[in-house]
PDB file of N, CA and C in Angstrom:
ATOM      1  N   UNK A   1      13.348   8.963  19.751  1.00  0.00           N
ATOM      2  CA  UNK A   1      13.131   7.892  18.793  1.00  0.00           C
ATOM      3  C   UNK A   1      12.741   8.505  17.449  1.00  0.00           C
ATOM      4  N   UNK A   2      13.316   8.050  16.386  1.00  0.00           N
ATOM      5  CA  UNK A   2      13.061   8.586  15.055  1.00  0.00           C
ATOM      6  C   UNK A   2      11.837   7.925  14.428  1.00  0.00           C
ATOM      7  N   UNK A   3      10.962   8.760  13.871  1.00  0.00           N
ATOM      8  CA  UNK A   3       9.828   8.241  13.117  1.00  0.00           C
ATOM      9  C   UNK A   3      10.365   7.730  11.788  1.00  0.00           C
ATOM     10  N   UNK A   4       9.944   6.529  11.403  1.00  0.00           N
ATOM     11  CA  UNK A   4      10.421   5.964  10.141  1.00  0.00           C
ATOM     12  C   UNK A   4       9.494   4.877   9.651  1.00  0.00           C
ATOM     13  N   UNK A   5       9.615   4.567   8.380  1.00  0.00           N
ATOM     14  CA  UNK A   5       8.831   3.495   7.772  1.00  0.00           C
ATOM     15  C   UNK A   5       9.578   2.190   7.992  1.00  0.00           C
ATOM     16  N   UNK A   6       8.848   1.176   8.449  1.00  0.00           N
ATOM     17  CA  UNK A   6       9.454  -0.127   8.718  1.00  0.00           C
ATOM     18  C   UNK A   6       9.374  -1.022   7.493  1.00  0.00           C
ATOM     19  N   UNK A   7       8.185  -1.090   6.884  1.00  0.00           N
ATOM     20  CA  UNK A   7       8.044  -1.972   5.716  1.00  0.00           C
ATOM     21  C   UNK A   7       7.157  -1.310   4.663  1.00  0.00           C
ATOM     22  N   UNK A   8       7.398  -1.703   3.422  1.00  0.00           N
ATOM     23  CA  UNK A   8       6.702  -1.171   2.257  1.00  0.00           C
ATOM     24  C   UNK A   8       5.982  -2.286   1.522  1.00  0.00           C
ATOM     25  N   UNK A   9       4.882  -1.929   0.843  1.00  0.00           N
ATOM     26  CA  UNK A   9       4.306  -2.822  -0.159  1.00  0.00           C
ATOM     27  C   UNK A   9       5.166  -2.640  -1.402  1.00  0.00           C
ATOM     28  N   UNK A  10       5.739  -3.697  -1.889  1.00  0.00           N
ATOM     29  CA  UNK A  10       6.619  -3.611  -3.052  1.00  0.00           C
ATOM     30  C   UNK A  10       5.950  -4.284  -4.244  1.00  0.00           C
ATOM     31  N   UNK A  11       5.665  -3.496  -5.241  1.00  0.00           N
ATOM     32  CA  UNK A  11       5.086  -4.002  -6.473  1.00  0.00           C
ATOM     33  C   UNK A  11       6.109  -3.936  -7.581  1.00  0.00           C
ATOM     34  N   UNK A  12       5.655  -3.930  -8.797  1.00  0.00           N
ATOM     35  CA  UNK A  12       6.595  -3.926  -9.924  1.00  0.00           C
ATOM     36  C   UNK A  12       7.344  -2.597 -10.043  1.00  0.00           C
ATOM     37  N   UNK A  13       6.845  -1.526  -9.393  1.00  0.00           N
ATOM     38  CA  UNK A  13       7.527  -0.235  -9.411  1.00  0.00           C
ATOM     39  C   UNK A  13       8.488  -0.073  -8.234  1.00  0.00           C
ATOM     40  N   UNK A  14       8.593  -1.051  -7.389  1.00  0.00           N
ATOM     41  CA  UNK A  14       9.458  -0.941  -6.207  1.00  0.00           C
ATOM     42  C   UNK A  14       8.634  -0.617  -4.985  1.00  0.00           C
ATOM     43  N   UNK A  15       9.163   0.232  -4.097  1.00  0.00           N
ATOM     44  CA  UNK A  15       8.466   0.609  -2.871  1.00  0.00           C
ATOM     45  C   UNK A  15       7.278   1.497  -3.228  1.00  0.00           C
ATOM     46  N   UNK A  16       6.070   0.946  -3.145  1.00  0.00           N
ATOM     47  CA  UNK A  16       4.900   1.670  -3.612  1.00  0.00           C
ATOM     48  C   UNK A  16       4.169   2.435  -2.516  1.00  0.00           C
ATOM     49  N   UNK A  17       3.975   1.821  -1.349  1.00  0.00           N
ATOM     50  CA  UNK A  17       3.355   2.537  -0.227  1.00  0.00           C
ATOM     51  C   UNK A  17       3.699   1.814   1.077  1.00  0.00           C
ATOM     52  N   UNK A  18       3.673   2.563   2.198  1.00  0.00           N
ATOM     53  CA  UNK A  18       4.066   1.971   3.482  1.00  0.00           C
ATOM     54  C   UNK A  18       3.031   0.983   4.016  1.00  0.00           C
ATOM     55  N   UNK A  19       3.523  -0.079   4.660  1.00  0.00           N
ATOM     56  CA  UNK A  19       2.661  -1.056   5.328  1.00  0.00           C
ATOM     57  C   UNK A  19       2.709  -0.909   6.842  1.00  0.00           C
ATOM     58  N   UNK A  20       3.872  -0.512   7.370  1.00  0.00           N
ATOM     59  CA  UNK A  20       4.006  -0.265   8.805  1.00  0.00           C
ATOM     60  C   UNK A  20       5.081   0.791   9.025  1.00  0.00           C
ATOM     61  N   UNK A  21       4.977   1.492  10.158  1.00  0.00           N
ATOM     62  CA  UNK A  21       5.916   2.575  10.448  1.00  0.00           C
ATOM     63  C   UNK A  21       6.006   2.790  11.951  1.00  0.00           C
ATOM     64  N   UNK A  22       7.059   3.476  12.364  1.00  0.00           N
ATOM     65  CA  UNK A  22       7.238   3.869  13.756  1.00  0.00           C
ATOM     66  C   UNK A  22       6.815   5.316  13.904  1.00  0.00           C
ATOM     67  N   UNK A  23       5.977   5.598  14.896  1.00  0.00           N
ATOM     68  CA  UNK A  23       5.569   6.962  15.206  1.00  0.00           C
ATOM     69  C   UNK A  23       5.696   7.144  16.705  1.00  0.00           C
ATOM     70  N   UNK A  24       6.632   7.993  17.104  1.00  0.00           N
ATOM     71  CA  UNK A  24       6.916   8.256  18.522  1.00  0.00           C
ATOM     72  C   UNK A  24       7.179   6.968  19.297  1.00  0.00           C
ATOM     73  N   UNK A  25       7.938   6.078  18.673  1.00  0.00           N
ATOM     74  CA  UNK A  25       8.345   4.840  19.319  1.00  0.00           C
ATOM     75  C   UNK A  25       7.333   3.715  19.280  1.00  0.00           C
ATOM     76  N   UNK A  26       6.162   3.942  18.699  1.00  0.00           N
ATOM     77  CA  UNK A  26       5.120   2.917  18.626  1.00  0.00           C
ATOM     78  C   UNK A  26       4.974   2.441  17.187  1.00  0.00           C
ATOM     79  N   UNK A  27       4.909   1.127  17.020  1.00  0.00           N
ATOM     80  CA  UNK A  27       4.712   0.588  15.675  1.00  0.00           C
ATOM     81  C   UNK A  27       3.244   0.705  15.292  1.00  0.00           C
ATOM     82  N   UNK A  28       2.994   1.212  14.090  1.00  0.00           N
ATOM     83  CA  UNK A  28       1.641   1.361  13.549  1.00  0.00           C
ATOM     84  C   UNK A  28       1.554   0.565  12.255  1.00  0.00           C
ATOM     85  N   UNK A  29       0.442  -0.132  12.065  1.00  0.00           N
ATOM     86  CA  UNK A  29       0.223  -0.906  10.841  1.00  0.00           C
ATOM     87  C   UNK A  29      -0.846  -0.216   9.999  1.00  0.00           C
ATOM     88  N   UNK A  30      -0.579  -0.142   8.706  1.00  0.00           N
ATOM     89  CA  UNK A  30      -1.487   0.522   7.776  1.00  0.00           C
ATOM     90  C   UNK A  30      -2.626  -0.430   7.421  1.00  0.00           C
ATOM     91  N   UNK A  31      -3.861   0.045   7.608  1.00  0.00           N
ATOM     92  CA  UNK A  31      -5.034  -0.737   7.228  1.00  0.00           C
ATOM     93  C   UNK A  31      -5.537  -0.318   5.853  1.00  0.00           C
ATOM     94  N   UNK A  32      -5.384   1.002   5.552  1.00  0.00           N
ATOM     95  CA  UNK A  32      -5.939   1.499   4.297  1.00  0.00           C
ATOM     96  C   UNK A  32      -5.101   2.669   3.785  1.00  0.00           C
ATOM     97  N   UNK A  33      -4.790   2.625   2.511  1.00  0.00           N
ATOM     98  CA  UNK A  33      -4.146   3.742   1.823  1.00  0.00           C
ATOM     99  C   UNK A  33      -5.274   4.610   1.256  1.00  0.00           C
ATOM    100  N   UNK A  34      -5.405   5.826   1.780  1.00  0.00           N
ATOM    101  CA  UNK A  34      -6.480   6.722   1.357  1.00  0.00           C
ATOM    102  C   UNK A  34      -6.083   7.484   0.095  1.00  0.00           C
ATOM    103  N   UNK A  35      -4.851   8.008   0.090  1.00  0.00           N
ATOM    104  CA  UNK A  35      -4.392   8.789  -1.063  1.00  0.00           C
ATOM    105  C   UNK A  35      -2.877   8.713  -1.161  1.00  0.00           C
ATOM    106  N   UNK A  36      -2.385   8.692  -2.376  1.00  0.00           N
ATOM    107  CA  UNK A  36      -0.939   8.732  -2.635  1.00  0.00           C
ATOM    108  C   UNK A  36      -0.701   9.698  -3.779  1.00  0.00           C
ATOM    109  N   UNK A  37       0.304  10.571  -3.612  1.00  0.00           N
ATOM    110  CA  UNK A  37       0.600  11.503  -4.699  1.00  0.00           C
ATOM    111  C   UNK A  37       2.082  11.848  -4.719  1.00  0.00           C
ATOM    112  N   UNK A  38       2.522  12.255  -5.897  1.00  0.00           N
ATOM    113  CA  UNK A  38       3.898  12.685  -6.119  1.00  0.00           C
ATOM    114  C   UNK A  38       3.875  14.202  -6.257  1.00  0.00           C
ATOM    115  N   UNK A  39       4.741  14.877  -5.491  1.00  0.00           N
ATOM    116  CA  UNK A  39       4.811  16.334  -5.506  1.00  0.00           C
ATOM    117  C   UNK A  39       6.208  16.738  -5.958  1.00  0.00           C
ATOM    118  N   UNK A  40       6.284  17.684  -6.899  1.00  0.00           N
ATOM    119  CA  UNK A  40       7.579  18.178  -7.371  1.00  0.00           C
ATOM    120  C   UNK A  40       7.646  19.685  -7.163  1.00  0.00           C
ATOM    121  N   UNK A  41       8.708  20.149  -6.506  1.00  0.00           N
ATOM    122  CA  UNK A  41       8.941  21.579  -6.332  1.00  0.00           C
ATOM    123  C   UNK A  41       9.329  22.159  -7.692  1.00  0.00           C
ATOM    124  N   UNK A  42       8.617  23.167  -8.142  1.00  0.00           N
ATOM    125  CA  UNK A  42       8.849  23.716  -9.484  1.00  0.00           C
ATOM    126  C   UNK A  42      10.219  24.364  -9.629  1.00  0.00           C
ATOM    127  N   UNK A  43      10.726  24.965  -8.556  1.00  0.00           N
ATOM    128  CA  UNK A  43      12.025  25.633  -8.641  1.00  0.00           C
ATOM    129  C   UNK A  43      13.186  24.655  -8.549  1.00  0.00           C
ATOM    130  N   UNK A  44      13.147  23.778  -7.555  1.00  0.00           N
ATOM    131  CA  UNK A  44      14.295  22.887  -7.306  1.00  0.00           C
ATOM    132  C   UNK A  44      14.195  21.555  -8.037  1.00  0.00           C
ATOM    133  N   UNK A  45      13.003  21.211  -8.510  1.00  0.00           N
ATOM    134  CA  UNK A  45      12.739  19.924  -9.172  1.00  0.00           C
ATOM    135  C   UNK A  45      12.880  18.728  -8.216  1.00  0.00           C
ATOM    136  N   UNK A  46      12.883  18.991  -6.912  1.00  0.00           N
ATOM    137  CA  UNK A  46      12.964  17.910  -5.913  1.00  0.00           C
ATOM    138  C   UNK A  46      11.577  17.297  -5.767  1.00  0.00           C
ATOM    139  N   UNK A  47      11.540  15.966  -5.815  1.00  0.00           N
ATOM    140  CA  UNK A  47      10.277  15.245  -5.713  1.00  0.00           C
ATOM    141  C   UNK A  47      10.093  14.645  -4.331  1.00  0.00           C
ATOM    142  N   UNK A  48       8.822  14.624  -3.895  1.00  0.00           N
ATOM    143  CA  UNK A  48       8.433  13.995  -2.641  1.00  0.00           C
ATOM    144  C   UNK A  48       7.193  13.159  -2.912  1.00  0.00           C
ATOM    145  N   UNK A  49       7.057  12.086  -2.151  1.00  0.00           N
ATOM    146  CA  UNK A  49       5.842  11.280  -2.225  1.00  0.00           C
ATOM    147  C   UNK A  49       5.061  11.490  -0.936  1.00  0.00           C
ATOM    148  N   UNK A  50       3.752  11.677  -1.055  1.00  0.00           N
ATOM    149  CA  UNK A  50       2.891  11.835   0.116  1.00  0.00           C
ATOM    150  C   UNK A  50       1.871  10.713   0.151  1.00  0.00           C
ATOM    151  N   UNK A  51       1.660  10.190   1.352  1.00  0.00           N
ATOM    152  CA  UNK A  51       0.685   9.121   1.563  1.00  0.00           C
ATOM    153  C   UNK A  51      -0.234   9.522   2.702  1.00  0.00           C
ATOM    154  N   UNK A  52      -1.530   9.497   2.458  1.00  0.00           N
ATOM    155  CA  UNK A  52      -2.513   9.665   3.514  1.00  0.00           C
ATOM    156  C   UNK A  52      -3.015   8.265   3.819  1.00  0.00           C
ATOM    157  N   UNK A  53      -2.796   7.825   5.052  1.00  0.00           N
ATOM    158  CA  UNK A  53      -3.134   6.435   5.398  1.00  0.00           C
ATOM    159  C   UNK A  53      -3.999   6.397   6.657  1.00  0.00           C
ATOM    160  N   UNK A  54      -4.655   5.261   6.840  1.00  0.00           N
ATOM    161  CA  UNK A  54      -5.422   4.994   8.053  1.00  0.00           C
ATOM    162  C   UNK A  54      -4.872   3.721   8.673  1.00  0.00           C
ATOM    163  N   UNK A  55      -4.663   3.743   9.987  1.00  0.00           N
ATOM    164  CA  UNK A  55      -4.116   2.581  10.679  1.00  0.00           C
ATOM    165  C   UNK A  55      -5.234   1.620  11.070  1.00  0.00           C
ATOM    166  N   UNK A  56      -4.830   0.481  11.639  1.00  0.00           N
ATOM    167  CA  UNK A  56      -5.792  -0.540  12.047  1.00  0.00           C
ATOM    168  C   UNK A  56      -6.770  -0.029  13.103  1.00  0.00           C
ATOM    169  N   UNK A  57      -6.347   0.938  13.935  1.00  0.00           N
ATOM    170  CA  UNK A  57      -7.244   1.455  14.979  1.00  0.00           C
ATOM    171  C   UNK A  57      -7.935   2.761  14.570  1.00  0.00           C
ATOM    172  N   UNK A  58      -7.913   3.114  13.279  1.00  0.00           N
ATOM    173  CA  UNK A  58      -8.664   4.241  12.755  1.00  0.00           C
ATOM    174  C   UNK A  58      -7.963   5.587  12.784  1.00  0.00           C
ATOM    175  N   UNK A  59      -6.712   5.645  13.217  1.00  0.00           N
ATOM    176  CA  UNK A  59      -5.965   6.902  13.218  1.00  0.00           C
ATOM    177  C   UNK A  59      -5.494   7.213  11.800  1.00  0.00           C
ATOM    178  N   UNK A  60      -5.443   8.504  11.458  1.00  0.00           N
ATOM    179  CA  UNK A  60      -4.986   8.915  10.132  1.00  0.00           C
ATOM    180  C   UNK A  60      -3.654   9.639  10.255  1.00  0.00           C
ATOM    181  N   UNK A  61      -2.770   9.366   9.283  1.00  0.00           N
ATOM    182  CA  UNK A  61      -1.433   9.956   9.260  1.00  0.00           C
ATOM    183  C   UNK A  61      -1.110  10.416   7.851  1.00  0.00           C
ATOM    184  N   UNK A  62      -0.310  11.495   7.790  1.00  0.00           N
ATOM    185  CA  UNK A  62       0.235  11.963   6.534  1.00  0.00           C
ATOM    186  C   UNK A  62       1.728  11.664   6.561  1.00  0.00           C
ATOM    187  N   UNK A  63       2.186  10.833   5.643  1.00  0.00           N
ATOM    188  CA  UNK A  63       3.591  10.443   5.565  1.00  0.00           C
ATOM    189  C   UNK A  63       4.177  11.071   4.304  1.00  0.00           C
ATOM    190  N   UNK A  64       5.262  11.836   4.469  1.00  0.00           N
ATOM    191  CA  UNK A  64       5.945  12.462   3.352  1.00  0.00           C
ATOM    192  C   UNK A  64       7.335  11.853   3.234  1.00  0.00           C
ATOM    193  N   UNK A  65       7.680  11.375   2.052  1.00  0.00           N
ATOM    194  CA  UNK A  65       8.967  10.725   1.812  1.00  0.00           C
ATOM    195  C   UNK A  65       9.712  11.511   0.744  1.00  0.00           C
ATOM    196  N   UNK A  66      10.892  12.005   1.105  1.00  0.00           N
ATOM    197  CA  UNK A  66      11.752  12.742   0.195  1.00  0.00           C
ATOM    198  C   UNK A  66      13.170  12.553   0.680  1.00  0.00           C
ATOM    199  N   UNK A  67      13.914  13.654   0.808  1.00  0.00           N
ATOM    200  CA  UNK A  67      15.250  13.541   1.415  1.00  0.00           C
ATOM    201  C   UNK A  67      15.120  13.045   2.848  1.00  0.00           C
ATOM    202  N   UNK A  68      14.075  13.492   3.528  1.00  0.00           N
ATOM    203  CA  UNK A  68      13.751  13.041   4.883  1.00  0.00           C
ATOM    204  C   UNK A  68      12.327  12.512   4.888  1.00  0.00           C
ATOM    205  N   UNK A  69      12.047  11.624   5.829  1.00  0.00           N
ATOM    206  CA  UNK A  69      10.688  11.127   6.002  1.00  0.00           C
ATOM    207  C   UNK A  69      10.043  11.840   7.180  1.00  0.00           C
ATOM    208  N   UNK A  70       8.835  12.380   6.963  1.00  0.00           N
ATOM    209  CA  UNK A  70       8.094  12.982   8.053  1.00  0.00           C
ATOM    210  C   UNK A  70       6.753  12.289   8.192  1.00  0.00           C
ATOM    211  N   UNK A  71       6.309  12.130   9.433  1.00  0.00           N
ATOM    212  CA  UNK A  71       5.041  11.479   9.718  1.00  0.00           C
ATOM    213  C   UNK A  71       4.268  12.389  10.657  1.00  0.00           C
ATOM    214  N   UNK A  72       3.033  12.757  10.251  1.00  0.00           N
ATOM    215  CA  UNK A  72       2.196  13.639  11.052  1.00  0.00           C
ATOM    216  C   UNK A  72       0.856  12.975  11.284  1.00  0.00           C
ATOM    217  N   UNK A  73       0.420  12.985  12.540  1.00  0.00           N
ATOM    218  CA  UNK A  73      -0.910  12.483  12.864  1.00  0.00           C
ATOM    219  C   UNK A  73      -1.925  13.572  12.510  1.00  0.00           C
ATOM    220  N   UNK A  74      -3.008  13.178  11.880  1.00  0.00           N
ATOM    221  CA  UNK A  74      -4.035  14.138  11.458  1.00  0.00           C
ATOM    222  C   UNK A  74      -5.252  14.008  12.363  1.00  0.00           C
TER     223      UNK A  74
END
C-alpha cells in the first residue's frame, strides 16, 4: 500500500498543509501542524515542502512533498 496524502487544507495559496494521509494502509488525521518549511537543493534548485505534524492520537510524522511524497513516523 502506498503512503500518500488524502486531503489538504486549502487556503488562498492552494494546498497549504495535509489534513489526513495514509500510512501503511491506515488513515491518519492531522490534529496539529507543528512545523512547515520549504527546502531548496542549492545545486538542482528542486524544492520540497516538509511538514512535522501530530495526529489525533499523539503520533508524530514527518511528511516530505516533492517529486515523491514520503511519510516517516518519528
